[in-house]
Structure formats: structure tokens, C-alpha cells
Amino acid sequence: QVQLVESGGGLVQSGGSLRLSCAASGRTFSMYAMGWFRQAPGKEREFVAGTSRSGGSIYYADSVKGRFTISRDNAKNTVHLQMTSLKSEDTAVYYCAAEIVSGYYTVLKGSGEYDYWGQGTQVTVSS
């Protein structure tokens, strides 16, 4: 199994940038498809971005395309979410998620497809 810890959240103004990080434990990180999700109060958890085992296949939600970038470094057991041009509607708790997959290029987009989750990190965008 794997344990995930997010970091990098905080308060930023609209138009600003923020970089989230997810540190994973274990020695089989390269076997996991990884994803970022977010949840605002009173709303369902929604998919933000996902990456395949190698980082070669990536998928973004329409709401963040062109603004967010997901990346992974399997040698360091880390996944990142670079967020730019932030908007007030990006305000949410952001979660890192992992799932073992056999497909080298598999990207998972549904929250129900992931078994492992981090504790979340708060992102607040003012104005």
C-alpha cells in the first residue's frame, strides 16, 4: 500500500500561482496512476487532473485546462500540481489520490476509481 501527504496550499490572490506537492511512501510508486481532486464546502469532490504511471499520459478537467499542470517524479515518489491564473472558483481542499493499475498509460478520472487518498491541503483564492 501507499501513504500520501499533500503540501503547498495557502492563500493567494486571483491571477496568482501556487504549486501543490504530494509525497508518497513505499517502493512501488511507479505502479500507481495518480490524480488530483478538489472539494469545496457543500459540493461533491471533483476531478482536477490525472497522470499515468510514467507521466506520459495526462488528463485535465475542462475547468483547469491551460492553467494547471500535473507532473510526477517517480525517482522521488512525488506528484505536483502547478496552478496558475488562479480564480476564486478554484478555492477548495485539494486531495492527492493513487491507484495501482496494470496499464502503463492508464489515467483514472473518477474519485471512485482511487483507493488511496491524502489528507488534503486548503487552497484559498481571494477576490
C-alpha atoms as a PDB file:
ATOM      1  CA  GLN A   1       0.000   0.000   0.000  1.00  0.00           C
ATOM      2  CA  VAL A   2       0.918   3.670  -0.170  1.00  0.00           C
ATOM      3  CA  GLN A   3       0.530   6.703   2.093  1.00  0.00           C
ATOM      4  CA  LEU A   4       0.089  10.178   0.614  1.00  0.00           C
ATOM      5  CA  VAL A   5       0.802  13.598   2.132  1.00  0.00           C
ATOM      6  CA  GLU A   6      -0.115  16.853   0.368  1.00  0.00           C
ATOM      7  CA  SER A   7       1.550  20.211   0.946  1.00  0.00           C
ATOM      8  CA  GLY A   8       1.826  23.648  -0.634  1.00  0.00           C
ATOM      9  CA  GLY A   9      -1.669  25.010  -0.105  1.00  0.00           C
ATOM     10  CA  GLY A  10      -2.312  28.542   1.062  1.00  0.00           C
ATOM     11  CA  LEU A  11      -3.908  31.910   0.365  1.00  0.00           C
ATOM     12  CA  VAL A  12      -3.316  33.625  -2.985  1.00  0.00           C
ATOM     13  CA  GLN A  13      -4.918  36.439  -4.945  1.00  0.00           C
ATOM     14  CA  SER A  14      -6.792  35.831  -8.166  1.00  0.00           C
ATOM     15  CA  GLY A  15      -4.374  35.577 -11.063  1.00  0.00           C
ATOM     16  CA  GLY A  16      -1.664  34.212  -8.817  1.00  0.00           C
ATOM     17  CA  SER A  17       0.119  30.865  -8.809  1.00  0.00           C
ATOM     18  CA  LEU A  18       0.578  28.018  -6.373  1.00  0.00           C
ATOM     19  CA  ARG A  19       2.381  24.663  -6.525  1.00  0.00           C
ATOM     20  CA  LEU A  20       0.993  21.676  -4.655  1.00  0.00           C
ATOM     21  CA  SER A  21       3.083  18.619  -3.831  1.00  0.00           C
ATOM     22  CA  CYS A  22       2.166  15.056  -2.920  1.00  0.00           C
ATOM     23  CA  ALA A  23       4.756  12.844  -1.245  1.00  0.00           C
ATOM     24  CA  ALA A  24       4.177   9.088  -1.392  1.00  0.00           C
ATOM     25  CA  SER A  25       5.654   6.348   0.747  1.00  0.00           C
ATOM     26  CA  GLY A  26       6.587   2.879  -0.435  1.00  0.00           C
ATOM     27  CA  ARG A  27       8.767   1.325  -3.111  1.00  0.00           C
ATOM     28  CA  THR A  28       6.147   0.736  -5.822  1.00  0.00           C
ATOM     29  CA  PHE A  29       5.195   4.310  -6.679  1.00  0.00           C
ATOM     30  CA  SER A  30       5.691   3.733 -10.400  1.00  0.00           C
ATOM     31  CA  MET A  31       2.857   1.173 -10.349  1.00  0.00           C
ATOM     32  CA  TYR A  32       0.263   3.814  -9.395  1.00  0.00           C
ATOM     33  CA  ALA A  33      -1.845   6.063 -11.527  1.00  0.00           C
ATOM     34  CA  MET A  34      -2.092   9.401  -9.695  1.00  0.00           C
ATOM     35  CA  GLY A  35      -4.729  12.095  -9.562  1.00  0.00           C
ATOM     36  CA  TRP A  36      -5.626  15.437  -8.020  1.00  0.00           C
ATOM     37  CA  PHE A  37      -9.166  16.177  -6.828  1.00  0.00           C
ATOM     38  CA  ARG A  38     -10.745  19.138  -5.060  1.00  0.00           C
ATOM     39  CA  GLN A  39     -13.797  19.688  -2.891  1.00  0.00           C
ATOM     40  CA  ALA A  40     -15.467  22.927  -1.853  1.00  0.00           C
ATOM     41  CA  PRO A  41     -17.955  23.100   1.058  1.00  0.00           C
ATOM     42  CA  GLY A  42     -21.349  21.767   0.032  1.00  0.00           C
ATOM     43  CA  LYS A  43     -20.062  20.402  -3.261  1.00  0.00           C
ATOM     44  CA  GLU A  44     -19.029  16.971  -4.495  1.00  0.00           C
ATOM     45  CA  ARG A  45     -15.405  16.056  -4.853  1.00  0.00           C
ATOM     46  CA  GLU A  46     -14.380  16.760  -8.443  1.00  0.00           C
ATOM     47  CA  PHE A  47     -11.568  15.562 -10.659  1.00  0.00           C
ATOM     48  CA  VAL A  48      -8.859  18.103 -11.441  1.00  0.00           C
ATOM     49  CA  ALA A  49      -6.006  16.258 -13.163  1.00  0.00           C
ATOM     50  CA  GLY A  50      -4.625  12.752 -13.564  1.00  0.00           C
ATOM     51  CA  THR A  51      -1.421  11.115 -14.769  1.00  0.00           C
ATOM     52  CA  SER A  52      -0.433   7.637 -15.853  1.00  0.00           C
ATOM     53  CA  ARG A  53       2.343   5.598 -14.241  1.00  0.00           C
ATOM     54  CA  SER A  54       5.065   7.111 -16.392  1.00  0.00           C
ATOM     55  CA  GLY A  55       3.627  10.605 -16.610  1.00  0.00           C
ATOM     56  CA  GLY A  56       3.315  10.128 -20.354  1.00  0.00           C
ATOM     57  CA  SER A  57      -0.489  10.275 -20.412  1.00  0.00           C
ATOM     58  CA  ILE A  58      -2.263  13.193 -18.741  1.00  0.00           C
ATOM     59  CA  TYR A  59      -5.864  14.353 -18.486  1.00  0.00           C
ATOM     60  CA  TYR A  60      -7.324  17.613 -17.139  1.00  0.00           C
ATOM     61  CA  ALA A  61     -10.781  18.770 -16.198  1.00  0.00           C
ATOM     62  CA  ASP A  62     -12.130  21.365 -18.631  1.00  0.00           C
ATOM     63  CA  SER A  63     -12.224  23.961 -15.862  1.00  0.00           C
ATOM     64  CA  VAL A  64      -8.439  23.895 -15.390  1.00  0.00           C
ATOM     65  CA  LYS A  65      -7.114  23.162 -18.887  1.00  0.00           C
ATOM     66  CA  GLY A  66      -4.430  25.639 -19.863  1.00  0.00           C
ATOM     67  CA  ARG A  67      -3.971  26.805 -16.275  1.00  0.00           C
ATOM     68  CA  PHE A  68      -2.904  23.736 -14.256  1.00  0.00           C
ATOM     69  CA  THR A  69      -0.081  21.273 -14.911  1.00  0.00           C
ATOM     70  CA  ILE A  70       0.301  17.858 -13.293  1.00  0.00           C
ATOM     71  CA  SER A  71       3.689  16.139 -13.193  1.00  0.00           C
ATOM     72  CA  ARG A  72       5.388  13.275 -11.387  1.00  0.00           C
ATOM     73  CA  ASP A  73       8.904  12.253 -10.437  1.00  0.00           C
ATOM     74  CA  ASN A  74       8.976   8.511  -9.815  1.00  0.00           C
ATOM     75  CA  ALA A  75      12.560   8.644  -8.549  1.00  0.00           C
ATOM     76  CA  LYS A  76      11.425  10.960  -5.739  1.00  0.00           C
ATOM     77  CA  ASN A  77       7.961   9.437  -5.180  1.00  0.00           C
ATOM     78  CA  THR A  78       6.288  12.797  -5.749  1.00  0.00           C
ATOM     79  CA  VAL A  79       3.440  14.285  -7.762  1.00  0.00           C
ATOM     80  CA  HIS A  80       2.936  18.020  -8.289  1.00  0.00           C
ATOM     81  CA  LEU A  81       0.152  20.306  -9.396  1.00  0.00           C
ATOM     82  CA  GLN A  82       1.325  23.654 -10.728  1.00  0.00           C
ATOM     83  CA  MET A  83      -1.602  26.074 -10.639  1.00  0.00           C
ATOM     84  CA  THR A  84      -1.528  29.401 -12.486  1.00  0.00           C
ATOM     85  CA  SER A  85      -4.072  32.116 -13.285  1.00  0.00           C
ATOM     86  CA  LEU A  86      -5.993  31.106 -10.190  1.00  0.00           C
ATOM     87  CA  LYS A  87      -9.644  32.094  -9.864  1.00  0.00           C
ATOM     88  CA  SER A  88     -11.907  32.377  -6.844  1.00  0.00           C
ATOM     89  CA  GLU A  89     -13.773  29.274  -8.016  1.00  0.00           C
ATOM     90  CA  ASP A  90     -10.551  27.280  -7.567  1.00  0.00           C
ATOM     91  CA  THR A  91     -10.943  27.664  -3.798  1.00  0.00           C
ATOM     92  CA  ALA A  92     -11.227  24.176  -2.288  1.00  0.00           C
ATOM     93  CA  VAL A  93      -9.459  21.459  -0.362  1.00  0.00           C
ATOM     94  CA  TYR A  94      -7.175  19.672  -2.804  1.00  0.00           C
ATOM     95  CA  TYR A  95      -6.539  15.935  -2.452  1.00  0.00           C
ATOM     96  CA  CYS A  96      -3.918  13.630  -3.909  1.00  0.00           C
ATOM     97  CA  ALA A  97      -5.063  10.116  -4.873  1.00  0.00           C
ATOM     98  CA  ALA A  98      -3.385   6.887  -6.004  1.00  0.00           C
ATOM     99  CA  GLU A  99      -4.453   3.569  -7.517  1.00  0.00           C
ATOM    100  CA  ILE A 100      -2.430   0.571  -8.677  1.00  0.00           C
ATOM    101  CA  VAL A 101      -3.009  -0.038 -12.371  1.00  0.00           C
ATOM    102  CA  SER A 102      -1.597  -2.577 -14.793  1.00  0.00           C
ATOM    103  CA  GLY A 103      -1.828  -0.308 -17.820  1.00  0.00           C
ATOM    104  CA  TYR A 104       1.264   1.791 -18.421  1.00  0.00           C
ATOM    105  CA  TYR A 105      -0.771   4.623 -19.967  1.00  0.00           C
ATOM    106  CA  THR A 106      -3.929   4.352 -17.847  1.00  0.00           C
ATOM    107  CA  VAL A 107      -5.349   7.611 -16.456  1.00  0.00           C
ATOM    108  CA  LEU A 108      -8.166   7.433 -13.893  1.00  0.00           C
ATOM    109  CA  LYS A 109     -10.674  10.311 -13.698  1.00  0.00           C
ATOM    110  CA  GLY A 110     -13.318   9.181 -11.190  1.00  0.00           C
ATOM    111  CA  SER A 111     -12.973   9.544  -7.432  1.00  0.00           C
ATOM    112  CA  GLY A 112     -14.462   6.052  -7.023  1.00  0.00           C
ATOM    113  CA  GLU A 113     -11.593   4.584  -9.027  1.00  0.00           C
ATOM    114  CA  TYR A 114      -8.988   5.510  -6.406  1.00  0.00           C
ATOM    115  CA  ASP A 115      -8.390   3.572  -3.181  1.00  0.00           C
ATOM    116  CA  TYR A 116      -5.676   5.729  -1.592  1.00  0.00           C
ATOM    117  CA  TRP A 117      -6.059   9.388  -0.582  1.00  0.00           C
ATOM    118  CA  GLY A 118      -4.055  12.067   1.172  1.00  0.00           C
ATOM    119  CA  GLN A 119      -5.371  14.272   3.973  1.00  0.00           C
ATOM    120  CA  GLY A 120      -5.906  17.292   1.736  1.00  0.00           C
ATOM    121  CA  THR A 121      -4.496  20.822   1.624  1.00  0.00           C
ATOM    122  CA  GLN A 122      -6.519  24.049   1.587  1.00  0.00           C
ATOM    123  CA  VAL A 123      -6.261  26.433  -1.355  1.00  0.00           C
ATOM    124  CA  THR A 124      -7.981  29.799  -0.989  1.00  0.00           C
ATOM    125  CA  VAL A 125      -8.086  32.331  -3.826  1.00  0.00           C
ATOM    126  CA  SER A 126      -9.196  35.847  -2.849  1.00  0.00           C
ATOM    127  CA  SER A 127     -11.209  38.305  -4.979  1.00  0.00           C
END
